[in-house]
């Protein structure tokens, strides 16, 4: 598993918490922020964006991932997620994360910046359906 220095860990959590402050969450009042670091060292932030037609809302984790992919990045080493209470990524986010690597490190922190979980995507989504399952 990827080893992070304390400084790297704090920076990632701080960036995710800053992204959380930009969330648009008028319905759930549950702002979420994420930062994704690619293997090339680039960072992409995301926040949740809700909509009155709830199924069209987007989570912070997927926002960060889609931003990275749209910029040509598909190899990730770590994603940090900050929620008010340290809640973990939803199932849809776990599935999207698994598409790009089960070994991606996942940090989860609460709104005070306290890390509550460190795992991998594989740890969040055991027996994940992944690109390897699509091979004939």
N, C-alpha and C. Protein backbone atom coordinates (compact mmCIF):
# COMPACT_ATOMS: atom_id res chain seq x y z
N UNK A 1 0.86 -1.18 0.00
CA UNK A 1 0.00 0.00 0.00
C UNK A 1 0.90 1.24 0.00
N UNK A 2 0.44 2.27 -0.67
CA UNK A 2 1.13 3.54 -0.75
C UNK A 2 1.37 4.11 0.65
N UNK A 3 2.56 4.60 0.89
CA UNK A 3 2.88 5.24 2.17
C UNK A 3 2.90 6.75 1.96
N UNK A 4 2.17 7.45 2.79
CA UNK A 4 2.13 8.91 2.75
C UNK A 4 2.84 9.48 3.95
N UNK A 5 3.50 10.61 3.75
CA UNK A 5 4.06 11.33 4.89
C UNK A 5 2.92 12.04 5.61
N UNK A 6 3.15 12.45 6.83
CA UNK A 6 2.14 13.20 7.57
C UNK A 6 1.79 14.49 6.83
N UNK A 7 2.80 15.15 6.25
CA UNK A 7 2.56 16.39 5.51
C UNK A 7 1.66 16.14 4.30
N UNK A 8 1.92 15.06 3.56
CA UNK A 8 1.08 14.73 2.40
C UNK A 8 -0.36 14.46 2.84
N UNK A 9 -0.50 13.69 3.89
CA UNK A 9 -1.82 13.33 4.42
C UNK A 9 -2.60 14.60 4.82
N UNK A 10 -1.93 15.49 5.55
CA UNK A 10 -2.60 16.73 5.99
C UNK A 10 -2.96 17.61 4.80
N UNK A 11 -2.07 17.71 3.82
CA UNK A 11 -2.36 18.52 2.63
C UNK A 11 -3.58 17.97 1.90
N UNK A 12 -3.63 16.67 1.68
CA UNK A 12 -4.76 16.08 0.97
C UNK A 12 -6.07 16.30 1.72
N UNK A 13 -6.07 16.09 3.00
CA UNK A 13 -7.29 16.29 3.79
C UNK A 13 -7.69 17.76 3.79
N UNK A 14 -6.72 18.66 3.90
CA UNK A 14 -7.03 20.10 3.86
C UNK A 14 -7.63 20.50 2.52
N UNK A 15 -7.07 19.99 1.42
CA UNK A 15 -7.60 20.32 0.09
C UNK A 15 -9.02 19.77 -0.09
N UNK A 16 -9.27 18.57 0.41
CA UNK A 16 -10.62 18.00 0.32
C UNK A 16 -11.59 18.80 1.17
N UNK A 17 -11.15 19.24 2.33
CA UNK A 17 -12.02 20.03 3.20
C UNK A 17 -12.33 21.39 2.57
N UNK A 18 -11.34 21.97 1.89
CA UNK A 18 -11.58 23.24 1.18
C UNK A 18 -12.58 23.03 0.04
N UNK A 19 -12.45 21.94 -0.69
CA UNK A 19 -13.41 21.64 -1.75
C UNK A 19 -14.82 21.45 -1.18
N UNK A 20 -14.89 20.86 0.00
CA UNK A 20 -16.20 20.66 0.67
C UNK A 20 -16.91 21.98 0.90
N UNK A 21 -16.15 23.02 1.15
CA UNK A 21 -16.76 24.34 1.39
C UNK A 21 -17.45 24.90 0.14
N UNK A 22 -17.11 24.35 -1.02
CA UNK A 22 -17.73 24.81 -2.27
C UNK A 22 -18.92 23.94 -2.69
N UNK A 23 -19.24 22.94 -1.89
CA UNK A 23 -20.34 22.02 -2.23
C UNK A 23 -21.66 22.78 -2.37
N UNK A 24 -22.50 22.26 -3.24
CA UNK A 24 -23.86 22.76 -3.40
C UNK A 24 -24.77 21.65 -2.89
N UNK A 25 -25.18 21.76 -1.63
CA UNK A 25 -25.95 20.70 -0.99
C UNK A 25 -27.17 21.25 -0.25
N UNK A 26 -28.05 21.99 -0.96
CA UNK A 26 -29.19 22.61 -0.27
C UNK A 26 -30.26 21.61 0.18
N UNK A 27 -30.24 20.38 -0.32
CA UNK A 27 -31.28 19.41 0.01
C UNK A 27 -30.84 18.48 1.14
N UNK A 28 -29.65 17.96 1.06
CA UNK A 28 -29.17 17.05 2.10
C UNK A 28 -28.47 17.79 3.23
N UNK A 29 -27.97 18.99 2.94
CA UNK A 29 -27.14 19.72 3.90
C UNK A 29 -25.97 18.87 4.37
N UNK A 30 -25.41 18.10 3.43
CA UNK A 30 -24.30 17.19 3.71
C UNK A 30 -23.19 17.46 2.70
N UNK A 31 -22.42 18.54 2.93
CA UNK A 31 -21.37 18.90 1.97
C UNK A 31 -20.19 17.91 2.03
N UNK A 32 -19.75 17.51 0.86
CA UNK A 32 -18.64 16.56 0.74
C UNK A 32 -17.59 17.15 -0.19
N UNK A 33 -16.34 16.95 0.16
CA UNK A 33 -15.23 17.38 -0.69
C UNK A 33 -14.27 16.23 -0.90
N UNK A 34 -13.60 16.26 -2.03
CA UNK A 34 -12.62 15.21 -2.34
C UNK A 34 -11.46 15.82 -3.09
N UNK A 35 -10.31 15.17 -2.96
CA UNK A 35 -9.15 15.50 -3.78
C UNK A 35 -8.54 14.18 -4.23
N UNK A 36 -8.23 14.13 -5.50
CA UNK A 36 -7.66 12.94 -6.11
C UNK A 36 -6.26 13.29 -6.58
N UNK A 37 -5.27 12.48 -6.20
CA UNK A 37 -3.91 12.69 -6.69
C UNK A 37 -3.59 11.58 -7.69
N UNK A 38 -3.15 11.99 -8.87
CA UNK A 38 -2.80 11.03 -9.90
C UNK A 38 -1.37 10.54 -9.70
N UNK A 39 -1.04 9.46 -10.37
CA UNK A 39 0.33 8.94 -10.26
C UNK A 39 1.34 9.92 -10.84
N UNK A 40 0.90 10.82 -11.72
CA UNK A 40 1.81 11.84 -12.26
C UNK A 40 1.96 13.02 -11.31
N UNK A 41 1.22 13.01 -10.19
CA UNK A 41 1.33 14.06 -9.18
C UNK A 41 0.32 15.18 -9.29
N UNK A 42 -0.52 15.15 -10.32
CA UNK A 42 -1.55 16.19 -10.45
C UNK A 42 -2.67 15.93 -9.45
N UNK A 43 -3.31 17.02 -9.02
CA UNK A 43 -4.41 16.90 -8.07
C UNK A 43 -5.67 17.51 -8.66
N UNK A 44 -6.78 16.83 -8.42
CA UNK A 44 -8.09 17.26 -8.89
C UNK A 44 -9.05 17.24 -7.72
N UNK A 45 -9.74 18.35 -7.51
CA UNK A 45 -10.71 18.43 -6.42
C UNK A 45 -12.11 18.24 -6.96
N UNK A 46 -13.01 17.93 -6.04
CA UNK A 46 -14.41 17.81 -6.39
C UNK A 46 -15.27 18.05 -5.16
N UNK A 47 -16.49 18.47 -5.41
CA UNK A 47 -17.47 18.64 -4.33
C UNK A 47 -18.79 18.06 -4.83
N UNK A 48 -19.67 17.75 -3.90
CA UNK A 48 -20.97 17.26 -4.34
C UNK A 48 -21.81 18.44 -4.84
N UNK A 49 -22.59 18.15 -5.87
CA UNK A 49 -23.47 19.15 -6.49
C UNK A 49 -24.85 18.50 -6.59
N UNK A 50 -25.77 18.99 -5.76
CA UNK A 50 -27.12 18.43 -5.73
C UNK A 50 -28.04 19.13 -6.72
N UNK A 51 -29.18 18.51 -6.95
CA UNK A 51 -30.16 19.03 -7.88
C UNK A 51 -31.54 18.68 -7.34
N UNK A 52 -32.53 19.53 -7.61
CA UNK A 52 -33.89 19.25 -7.15
C UNK A 52 -34.39 17.91 -7.70
N UNK A 53 -33.96 17.55 -8.90
CA UNK A 53 -34.23 16.22 -9.44
C UNK A 53 -33.09 15.35 -8.92
N UNK A 54 -33.27 14.82 -7.71
CA UNK A 54 -32.18 14.22 -6.94
C UNK A 54 -31.29 13.23 -7.69
N UNK A 55 -31.82 12.36 -8.52
CA UNK A 55 -30.91 11.40 -9.17
C UNK A 55 -29.86 12.04 -10.09
N UNK A 56 -30.05 13.28 -10.43
CA UNK A 56 -29.07 13.94 -11.31
C UNK A 56 -27.96 14.63 -10.53
N UNK A 57 -27.96 14.49 -9.23
CA UNK A 57 -26.88 15.05 -8.41
C UNK A 57 -25.58 14.30 -8.67
N UNK A 58 -24.46 14.90 -8.26
CA UNK A 58 -23.16 14.26 -8.44
C UNK A 58 -22.37 14.34 -7.15
N UNK A 59 -21.72 13.24 -6.80
CA UNK A 59 -20.89 13.16 -5.60
C UNK A 59 -19.52 13.79 -5.82
N UNK A 60 -18.89 14.19 -4.74
CA UNK A 60 -17.57 14.82 -4.78
C UNK A 60 -16.51 13.90 -5.38
N UNK A 61 -16.55 12.64 -4.99
CA UNK A 61 -15.53 11.70 -5.45
C UNK A 61 -15.58 11.53 -6.96
N UNK A 62 -16.78 11.34 -7.49
CA UNK A 62 -16.92 11.18 -8.94
C UNK A 62 -16.61 12.47 -9.67
N UNK A 63 -16.93 13.61 -9.08
CA UNK A 63 -16.57 14.89 -9.72
C UNK A 63 -15.06 14.96 -9.90
N UNK A 64 -14.30 14.64 -8.85
CA UNK A 64 -12.83 14.69 -8.95
C UNK A 64 -12.32 13.69 -9.98
N UNK A 65 -12.86 12.49 -9.97
CA UNK A 65 -12.42 11.46 -10.92
C UNK A 65 -12.73 11.87 -12.35
N UNK A 66 -13.93 12.35 -12.59
CA UNK A 66 -14.31 12.73 -13.95
C UNK A 66 -13.48 13.92 -14.44
N UNK A 67 -13.16 14.85 -13.54
CA UNK A 67 -12.28 15.96 -13.92
C UNK A 67 -10.91 15.42 -14.35
N UNK A 68 -10.38 14.50 -13.58
CA UNK A 68 -9.06 13.93 -13.89
C UNK A 68 -9.08 13.21 -15.24
N UNK A 69 -10.08 12.37 -15.44
CA UNK A 69 -10.17 11.62 -16.69
C UNK A 69 -10.34 12.57 -17.87
N UNK A 70 -11.14 13.62 -17.68
CA UNK A 70 -11.34 14.57 -18.78
C UNK A 70 -10.06 15.33 -19.14
N UNK A 71 -9.09 15.31 -18.23
CA UNK A 71 -7.79 15.94 -18.48
C UNK A 71 -6.72 14.91 -18.88
N UNK A 72 -7.16 13.68 -19.15
CA UNK A 72 -6.24 12.66 -19.64
C UNK A 72 -5.58 11.80 -18.58
N UNK A 73 -5.97 11.94 -17.33
CA UNK A 73 -5.38 11.17 -16.24
C UNK A 73 -6.27 9.98 -15.89
N UNK A 74 -5.68 8.79 -15.84
CA UNK A 74 -6.46 7.59 -15.53
C UNK A 74 -5.77 6.70 -14.50
N UNK A 75 -4.63 7.13 -13.99
CA UNK A 75 -3.92 6.35 -12.99
C UNK A 75 -3.81 7.18 -11.71
N UNK A 76 -4.42 6.67 -10.64
CA UNK A 76 -4.53 7.41 -9.40
C UNK A 76 -3.78 6.69 -8.29
N UNK A 77 -3.23 7.47 -7.34
CA UNK A 77 -2.60 6.81 -6.21
C UNK A 77 -3.35 7.04 -4.90
N UNK A 78 -4.06 8.17 -4.75
CA UNK A 78 -4.77 8.41 -3.49
C UNK A 78 -5.94 9.35 -3.73
N UNK A 79 -7.03 9.10 -2.99
CA UNK A 79 -8.16 10.03 -2.95
C UNK A 79 -8.48 10.28 -1.48
N UNK A 80 -8.67 11.55 -1.15
CA UNK A 80 -9.08 11.94 0.20
C UNK A 80 -10.50 12.48 0.12
N UNK A 81 -11.32 12.08 1.05
CA UNK A 81 -12.73 12.48 1.09
C UNK A 81 -13.02 13.05 2.47
N UNK A 82 -13.67 14.22 2.49
CA UNK A 82 -14.06 14.83 3.77
C UNK A 82 -15.57 15.04 3.77
N UNK A 83 -16.21 14.53 4.81
CA UNK A 83 -17.64 14.71 5.02
C UNK A 83 -17.83 15.29 6.42
N UNK A 84 -19.01 15.80 6.72
CA UNK A 84 -19.21 16.39 8.05
C UNK A 84 -18.85 15.43 9.19
N UNK A 85 -19.19 14.14 9.03
CA UNK A 85 -19.02 13.19 10.12
C UNK A 85 -18.09 12.02 9.78
N UNK A 86 -17.32 12.13 8.71
CA UNK A 86 -16.41 11.04 8.33
C UNK A 86 -17.10 9.89 7.62
N UNK A 87 -18.25 10.14 7.01
CA UNK A 87 -18.95 9.11 6.25
C UNK A 87 -18.13 8.66 5.05
N UNK A 88 -18.27 7.41 4.68
CA UNK A 88 -17.49 6.83 3.59
C UNK A 88 -18.20 7.02 2.24
N UNK A 89 -17.46 6.84 1.14
CA UNK A 89 -18.05 7.00 -0.19
C UNK A 89 -19.23 6.06 -0.43
N UNK A 90 -20.18 6.52 -1.23
CA UNK A 90 -21.36 5.73 -1.56
C UNK A 90 -20.98 4.60 -2.52
N UNK A 91 -21.90 3.70 -2.76
CA UNK A 91 -21.65 2.57 -3.64
C UNK A 91 -21.30 2.97 -5.06
N UNK A 92 -21.97 3.98 -5.59
CA UNK A 92 -21.67 4.43 -6.95
C UNK A 92 -20.25 4.94 -7.05
N UNK A 93 -19.81 5.70 -6.06
CA UNK A 93 -18.44 6.22 -6.05
C UNK A 93 -17.43 5.09 -5.91
N UNK A 94 -17.74 4.12 -5.08
CA UNK A 94 -16.84 2.97 -4.91
C UNK A 94 -16.67 2.24 -6.23
N UNK A 95 -17.77 2.06 -6.96
CA UNK A 95 -17.70 1.37 -8.24
C UNK A 95 -16.87 2.17 -9.26
N UNK A 96 -17.07 3.46 -9.32
CA UNK A 96 -16.29 4.29 -10.25
C UNK A 96 -14.82 4.26 -9.85
N UNK A 97 -14.51 4.36 -8.57
CA UNK A 97 -13.12 4.29 -8.13
C UNK A 97 -12.49 2.96 -8.54
N UNK A 98 -13.26 1.88 -8.45
CA UNK A 98 -12.70 0.56 -8.77
C UNK A 98 -12.31 0.45 -10.24
N UNK A 99 -12.94 1.19 -11.08
CA UNK A 99 -12.62 1.19 -12.51
C UNK A 99 -11.17 1.57 -12.77
N UNK A 100 -10.63 2.41 -11.89
CA UNK A 100 -9.30 2.97 -12.12
C UNK A 100 -8.23 2.42 -11.17
N UNK A 101 -8.56 1.41 -10.40
CA UNK A 101 -7.54 0.78 -9.58
C UNK A 101 -7.99 0.44 -8.18
N UNK A 102 -8.02 -0.83 -7.89
CA UNK A 102 -8.42 -1.28 -6.56
C UNK A 102 -7.38 -0.97 -5.50
N UNK A 103 -6.14 -0.67 -5.94
CA UNK A 103 -5.07 -0.37 -4.99
C UNK A 103 -4.98 1.11 -4.63
N UNK A 104 -5.86 1.95 -5.18
CA UNK A 104 -5.85 3.37 -4.84
C UNK A 104 -6.11 3.53 -3.34
N UNK A 105 -5.27 4.31 -2.69
CA UNK A 105 -5.43 4.58 -1.27
C UNK A 105 -6.60 5.52 -1.07
N UNK A 106 -7.40 5.28 -0.03
CA UNK A 106 -8.56 6.10 0.29
C UNK A 106 -8.42 6.61 1.72
N UNK A 107 -8.43 7.94 1.87
CA UNK A 107 -8.43 8.58 3.18
C UNK A 107 -9.80 9.20 3.39
N UNK A 108 -10.38 9.00 4.55
CA UNK A 108 -11.66 9.61 4.89
C UNK A 108 -11.47 10.41 6.17
N UNK A 109 -11.95 11.65 6.15
CA UNK A 109 -11.83 12.52 7.32
C UNK A 109 -13.15 13.21 7.58
N UNK A 110 -13.29 13.72 8.80
CA UNK A 110 -14.49 14.48 9.15
C UNK A 110 -14.25 15.96 8.87
N UNK A 111 -15.27 16.75 9.09
CA UNK A 111 -15.22 18.18 8.80
C UNK A 111 -14.20 18.96 9.61
N UNK A 112 -13.72 18.37 10.69
CA UNK A 112 -12.67 19.00 11.50
C UNK A 112 -11.28 18.63 10.99
N UNK A 113 -11.24 17.81 9.93
CA UNK A 113 -9.96 17.39 9.37
C UNK A 113 -9.33 16.20 10.06
N UNK A 114 -10.09 15.53 10.92
CA UNK A 114 -9.58 14.34 11.61
C UNK A 114 -9.78 13.11 10.73
N UNK A 115 -8.70 12.43 10.42
CA UNK A 115 -8.80 11.22 9.62
C UNK A 115 -9.48 10.14 10.43
N UNK A 116 -10.49 9.49 9.82
CA UNK A 116 -11.21 8.43 10.52
C UNK A 116 -11.01 7.06 9.86
N UNK A 117 -10.48 7.05 8.64
CA UNK A 117 -10.30 5.78 7.94
C UNK A 117 -9.18 5.91 6.92
N UNK A 118 -8.39 4.86 6.81
CA UNK A 118 -7.42 4.72 5.72
C UNK A 118 -7.56 3.30 5.21
N UNK A 119 -7.85 3.16 3.93
CA UNK A 119 -8.05 1.86 3.32
C UNK A 119 -7.69 1.96 1.85
N UNK A 120 -8.06 0.98 1.08
CA UNK A 120 -7.92 1.03 -0.37
C UNK A 120 -9.31 0.91 -0.97
N UNK A 121 -9.39 1.12 -2.28
CA UNK A 121 -10.67 0.92 -2.95
C UNK A 121 -11.10 -0.54 -2.76
N UNK A 122 -10.16 -1.47 -2.86
CA UNK A 122 -10.50 -2.89 -2.64
C UNK A 122 -11.07 -3.11 -1.25
N UNK A 123 -10.57 -2.38 -0.26
CA UNK A 123 -11.10 -2.48 1.09
C UNK A 123 -12.52 -1.96 1.20
N UNK A 124 -12.84 -0.93 0.41
CA UNK A 124 -14.19 -0.37 0.40
C UNK A 124 -15.17 -1.22 -0.41
N UNK A 125 -14.63 -1.94 -1.42
CA UNK A 125 -15.50 -2.66 -2.34
C UNK A 125 -14.93 -4.06 -2.61
N UNK A 126 -15.04 -4.95 -1.63
CA UNK A 126 -14.54 -6.31 -1.83
C UNK A 126 -15.26 -6.99 -2.99
N UNK A 127 -14.53 -7.82 -3.70
CA UNK A 127 -15.10 -8.56 -4.84
C UNK A 127 -15.68 -7.63 -5.89
N UNK A 128 -15.03 -6.50 -6.10
CA UNK A 128 -15.50 -5.48 -7.05
C UNK A 128 -15.64 -6.04 -8.46
N UNK A 129 -16.65 -5.60 -9.16
CA UNK A 129 -16.79 -5.85 -10.60
C UNK A 129 -15.89 -4.83 -11.27
N UNK A 130 -14.91 -5.30 -12.04
CA UNK A 130 -13.90 -4.39 -12.61
C UNK A 130 -13.68 -4.70 -14.08
N UNK A 131 -12.85 -3.90 -14.74
CA UNK A 131 -12.59 -4.12 -16.17
C UNK A 131 -12.15 -5.56 -16.48
N UNK A 132 -11.44 -6.20 -15.57
CA UNK A 132 -11.00 -7.59 -15.82
C UNK A 132 -12.19 -8.53 -15.98
N UNK A 133 -13.32 -8.20 -15.38
CA UNK A 133 -14.52 -9.04 -15.50
C UNK A 133 -15.18 -8.91 -16.87
N UNK A 134 -14.79 -7.91 -17.64
CA UNK A 134 -15.37 -7.70 -18.96
C UNK A 134 -14.67 -8.50 -20.07
N UNK A 135 -13.54 -9.10 -19.73
CA UNK A 135 -12.77 -9.86 -20.72
C UNK A 135 -13.52 -11.16 -21.04
N UNK A 136 -13.50 -11.48 -22.31
CA UNK A 136 -14.20 -12.71 -22.75
C UNK A 136 -13.29 -13.88 -22.70
